[in-house]
Amino acid sequence: MNNTVTAYIRTYAPLLAGFVIGQAANVGLDLGTAEEPLVAVITVTAGAAYYALARLVGRRYPKVEAVMLGSSKTPSY
C-alpha cells in the first residue's frame, strides 16, 4: 500500500468513527437549536479521541492500531 493510500485510510478511519459516535450520541436526544452544533462538537471530539486512543494503544499493541486505523504503517513523505 503506498503512502497516499495509507494516509487517507489513517485519516478517514477516525473521522468515520467520530461520525458514528456522534450520531449514536444524538439518538433519543431532543436538543432543539443546539442539536447540530453539539453533534458536530461531539463528532470532532470523538474522532480526535479515537485517533489518540488508537495511537496510544498502538505503541504496545500494533495489531490493534492496525485494526482501528486500517493500517499500522505510518506514511512517510
N, C-alpha and C. Protein backbone atom coordinates (compact mmCIF):
# COMPACT_ATOMS: atom_id res chain seq x y z
N MET A 1 0.86 -1.17 0.00
CA MET A 1 0.00 0.00 0.00
C MET A 1 0.91 1.24 0.00
N ASN A 2 0.66 2.18 -0.90
CA ASN A 2 1.53 3.34 -0.96
C ASN A 2 1.18 4.35 0.14
N ASN A 3 2.05 5.34 0.33
CA ASN A 3 1.89 6.30 1.42
C ASN A 3 0.61 7.11 1.33
N THR A 4 0.20 7.45 0.14
CA THR A 4 -1.02 8.25 -0.01
C THR A 4 -2.24 7.48 0.45
N VAL A 5 -2.35 6.24 0.05
CA VAL A 5 -3.49 5.41 0.46
C VAL A 5 -3.46 5.20 1.97
N THR A 6 -2.29 4.92 2.52
CA THR A 6 -2.15 4.75 3.97
C THR A 6 -2.58 6.01 4.70
N ALA A 7 -2.16 7.16 4.22
CA ALA A 7 -2.53 8.42 4.86
C ALA A 7 -4.04 8.63 4.82
N TYR A 8 -4.67 8.35 3.69
CA TYR A 8 -6.12 8.51 3.59
C TYR A 8 -6.85 7.57 4.55
N ILE A 9 -6.43 6.33 4.58
CA ILE A 9 -7.09 5.36 5.47
C ILE A 9 -6.94 5.78 6.92
N ARG A 10 -5.72 6.18 7.31
CA ARG A 10 -5.48 6.55 8.70
C ARG A 10 -6.14 7.89 9.06
N THR A 11 -6.47 8.69 8.08
CA THR A 11 -7.19 9.94 8.34
C THR A 11 -8.68 9.71 8.45
N TYR A 12 -9.22 8.94 7.52
CA TYR A 12 -10.68 8.81 7.46
C TYR A 12 -11.26 7.78 8.42
N ALA A 13 -10.48 6.82 8.88
CA ALA A 13 -10.99 5.85 9.86
C ALA A 13 -11.43 6.54 11.15
N PRO A 14 -10.62 7.45 11.74
CA PRO A 14 -11.09 8.15 12.94
C PRO A 14 -12.26 9.09 12.66
N LEU A 15 -12.28 9.69 11.47
CA LEU A 15 -13.41 10.55 11.14
C LEU A 15 -14.70 9.76 11.06
N LEU A 16 -14.64 8.59 10.46
CA LEU A 16 -15.82 7.73 10.39
C LEU A 16 -16.24 7.28 11.78
N ALA A 17 -15.27 6.91 12.61
CA ALA A 17 -15.59 6.51 13.99
C ALA A 17 -16.23 7.67 14.75
N GLY A 18 -15.69 8.87 14.59
CA GLY A 18 -16.26 10.05 15.24
C GLY A 18 -17.67 10.32 14.77
N PHE A 19 -17.92 10.16 13.48
CA PHE A 19 -19.26 10.36 12.94
C PHE A 19 -20.24 9.36 13.55
N VAL A 20 -19.85 8.10 13.60
CA VAL A 20 -20.72 7.06 14.16
C VAL A 20 -21.00 7.34 15.63
N ILE A 21 -19.97 7.70 16.39
CA ILE A 21 -20.15 8.00 17.81
C ILE A 21 -21.02 9.24 17.99
N GLY A 22 -20.81 10.25 17.17
CA GLY A 22 -21.62 11.47 17.24
C GLY A 22 -23.08 11.20 16.94
N GLN A 23 -23.34 10.38 15.94
CA GLN A 23 -24.73 10.04 15.62
C GLN A 23 -25.36 9.19 16.71
N ALA A 24 -24.58 8.28 17.28
CA ALA A 24 -25.09 7.45 18.38
C ALA A 24 -25.41 8.30 19.60
N ALA A 25 -24.61 9.32 19.85
CA ALA A 25 -24.86 10.21 20.99
C ALA A 25 -26.12 11.03 20.78
N ASN A 26 -26.51 11.21 19.53
CA ASN A 26 -27.68 12.02 19.19
C ASN A 26 -28.99 11.24 19.29
N VAL A 27 -28.93 9.93 19.34
CA VAL A 27 -30.13 9.10 19.35
C VAL A 27 -30.95 9.38 20.61
N GLY A 28 -32.19 9.73 20.40
CA GLY A 28 -33.11 9.92 21.52
C GLY A 28 -33.00 11.26 22.22
N LEU A 29 -32.13 12.15 21.75
CA LEU A 29 -31.99 13.46 22.38
C LEU A 29 -32.72 14.51 21.56
N ASP A 30 -33.48 15.36 22.23
CA ASP A 30 -34.12 16.49 21.57
C ASP A 30 -33.51 17.76 22.15
N LEU A 31 -32.53 18.30 21.46
CA LEU A 31 -31.79 19.44 21.97
C LEU A 31 -32.17 20.75 21.29
N GLY A 32 -33.18 20.72 20.46
CA GLY A 32 -33.64 21.93 19.79
C GLY A 32 -32.57 22.51 18.87
N THR A 33 -32.36 23.82 18.98
CA THR A 33 -31.42 24.50 18.08
C THR A 33 -29.97 24.18 18.39
N ALA A 34 -29.69 23.67 19.57
CA ALA A 34 -28.30 23.34 19.94
C ALA A 34 -27.89 21.97 19.41
N GLU A 35 -28.81 21.25 18.81
CA GLU A 35 -28.54 19.87 18.41
C GLU A 35 -27.41 19.76 17.39
N GLU A 36 -27.50 20.48 16.30
CA GLU A 36 -26.49 20.35 15.24
C GLU A 36 -25.09 20.76 15.69
N PRO A 37 -24.93 21.92 16.34
CA PRO A 37 -23.58 22.27 16.80
C PRO A 37 -23.03 21.28 17.84
N LEU A 38 -23.89 20.80 18.72
CA LEU A 38 -23.45 19.86 19.74
C LEU A 38 -23.01 18.54 19.12
N VAL A 39 -23.78 18.05 18.16
CA VAL A 39 -23.40 16.81 17.48
C VAL A 39 -22.09 17.00 16.72
N ALA A 40 -21.89 18.16 16.12
CA ALA A 40 -20.64 18.44 15.41
C ALA A 40 -19.45 18.42 16.37
N VAL A 41 -19.61 19.04 17.53
CA VAL A 41 -18.54 19.06 18.53
C VAL A 41 -18.26 17.64 19.03
N ILE A 42 -19.31 16.89 19.31
CA ILE A 42 -19.14 15.50 19.76
C ILE A 42 -18.43 14.68 18.69
N THR A 43 -18.81 14.88 17.43
CA THR A 43 -18.21 14.12 16.33
C THR A 43 -16.72 14.40 16.21
N VAL A 44 -16.35 15.66 16.21
CA VAL A 44 -14.93 16.03 16.08
C VAL A 44 -14.13 15.54 17.29
N THR A 45 -14.68 15.74 18.48
CA THR A 45 -14.00 15.31 19.70
C THR A 45 -13.85 13.80 19.74
N ALA A 46 -14.90 13.09 19.36
CA ALA A 46 -14.84 11.62 19.36
C ALA A 46 -13.82 11.12 18.34
N GLY A 47 -13.78 11.74 17.17
CA GLY A 47 -12.80 11.34 16.15
C GLY A 47 -11.37 11.56 16.61
N ALA A 48 -11.12 12.72 17.22
CA ALA A 48 -9.78 13.01 17.73
C ALA A 48 -9.40 12.06 18.86
N ALA A 49 -10.35 11.79 19.75
CA ALA A 49 -10.09 10.87 20.87
C ALA A 49 -9.84 9.45 20.35
N TYR A 50 -10.60 9.05 19.35
CA TYR A 50 -10.44 7.73 18.75
C TYR A 50 -9.03 7.59 18.16
N TYR A 51 -8.58 8.60 17.43
CA TYR A 51 -7.25 8.57 16.84
C TYR A 51 -6.17 8.52 17.92
N ALA A 52 -6.32 9.37 18.94
CA ALA A 52 -5.34 9.39 20.03
C ALA A 52 -5.29 8.04 20.74
N LEU A 53 -6.46 7.45 20.99
CA LEU A 53 -6.51 6.15 21.63
C LEU A 53 -5.85 5.08 20.76
N ALA A 54 -6.12 5.12 19.47
CA ALA A 54 -5.52 4.14 18.56
C ALA A 54 -4.00 4.25 18.57
N ARG A 55 -3.48 5.47 18.55
CA ARG A 55 -2.03 5.68 18.57
C ARG A 55 -1.43 5.23 19.90
N LEU A 56 -2.11 5.52 20.99
CA LEU A 56 -1.63 5.13 22.31
C LEU A 56 -1.60 3.61 22.46
N VAL A 57 -2.69 2.97 22.08
CA VAL A 57 -2.77 1.51 22.16
C VAL A 57 -1.75 0.88 21.20
N GLY A 58 -1.54 1.52 20.06
CA GLY A 58 -0.63 1.00 19.06
C GLY A 58 0.82 0.93 19.50
N ARG A 59 1.18 1.71 20.49
CA ARG A 59 2.55 1.63 21.00
C ARG A 59 2.84 0.25 21.59
N ARG A 60 1.84 -0.31 22.22
CA ARG A 60 2.02 -1.62 22.85
C ARG A 60 1.45 -2.76 22.00
N TYR A 61 0.35 -2.47 21.30
CA TYR A 61 -0.34 -3.49 20.50
C TYR A 61 -0.52 -2.99 19.07
N PRO A 62 0.49 -3.08 18.24
CA PRO A 62 0.41 -2.55 16.88
C PRO A 62 -0.73 -3.16 16.05
N LYS A 63 -1.08 -4.40 16.32
CA LYS A 63 -2.16 -5.02 15.55
C LYS A 63 -3.51 -4.38 15.86
N VAL A 64 -3.70 -3.94 17.10
CA VAL A 64 -4.95 -3.25 17.46
C VAL A 64 -5.01 -1.91 16.74
N GLU A 65 -3.87 -1.22 16.70
CA GLU A 65 -3.81 0.05 15.97
C GLU A 65 -4.14 -0.17 14.49
N ALA A 66 -3.62 -1.25 13.93
CA ALA A 66 -3.89 -1.55 12.52
C ALA A 66 -5.37 -1.76 12.27
N VAL A 67 -6.04 -2.41 13.20
CA VAL A 67 -7.49 -2.63 13.05
C VAL A 67 -8.24 -1.31 13.21
N MET A 68 -7.86 -0.52 14.21
CA MET A 68 -8.57 0.73 14.47
C MET A 68 -8.37 1.77 13.37
N LEU A 69 -7.16 1.83 12.81
CA LEU A 69 -6.86 2.86 11.82
C LEU A 69 -6.76 2.33 10.39
N GLY A 70 -6.91 1.03 10.23
CA GLY A 70 -6.84 0.46 8.89
C GLY A 70 -5.44 0.11 8.45
N SER A 71 -4.43 0.55 9.20
CA SER A 71 -3.04 0.24 8.88
C SER A 71 -2.18 0.60 10.08
N SER A 72 -1.17 -0.21 10.36
CA SER A 72 -0.25 0.12 11.44
C SER A 72 0.95 0.91 10.90
N LYS A 73 1.06 0.98 9.59
CA LYS A 73 2.16 1.70 8.96
C LYS A 73 1.85 3.19 8.92
N THR A 74 2.77 4.00 9.40
CA THR A 74 2.60 5.45 9.28
C THR A 74 3.20 5.90 7.96
N PRO A 75 2.53 6.80 7.27
CA PRO A 75 3.05 7.26 5.99
C PRO A 75 4.32 8.10 6.18
N SER A 76 5.24 7.98 5.26
CA SER A 76 6.44 8.84 5.27
C SER A 76 6.49 9.55 3.93
N TYR A 77 6.79 10.81 3.99
CA TYR A 77 6.74 11.63 2.77
C TYR A 77 8.12 12.10 2.38
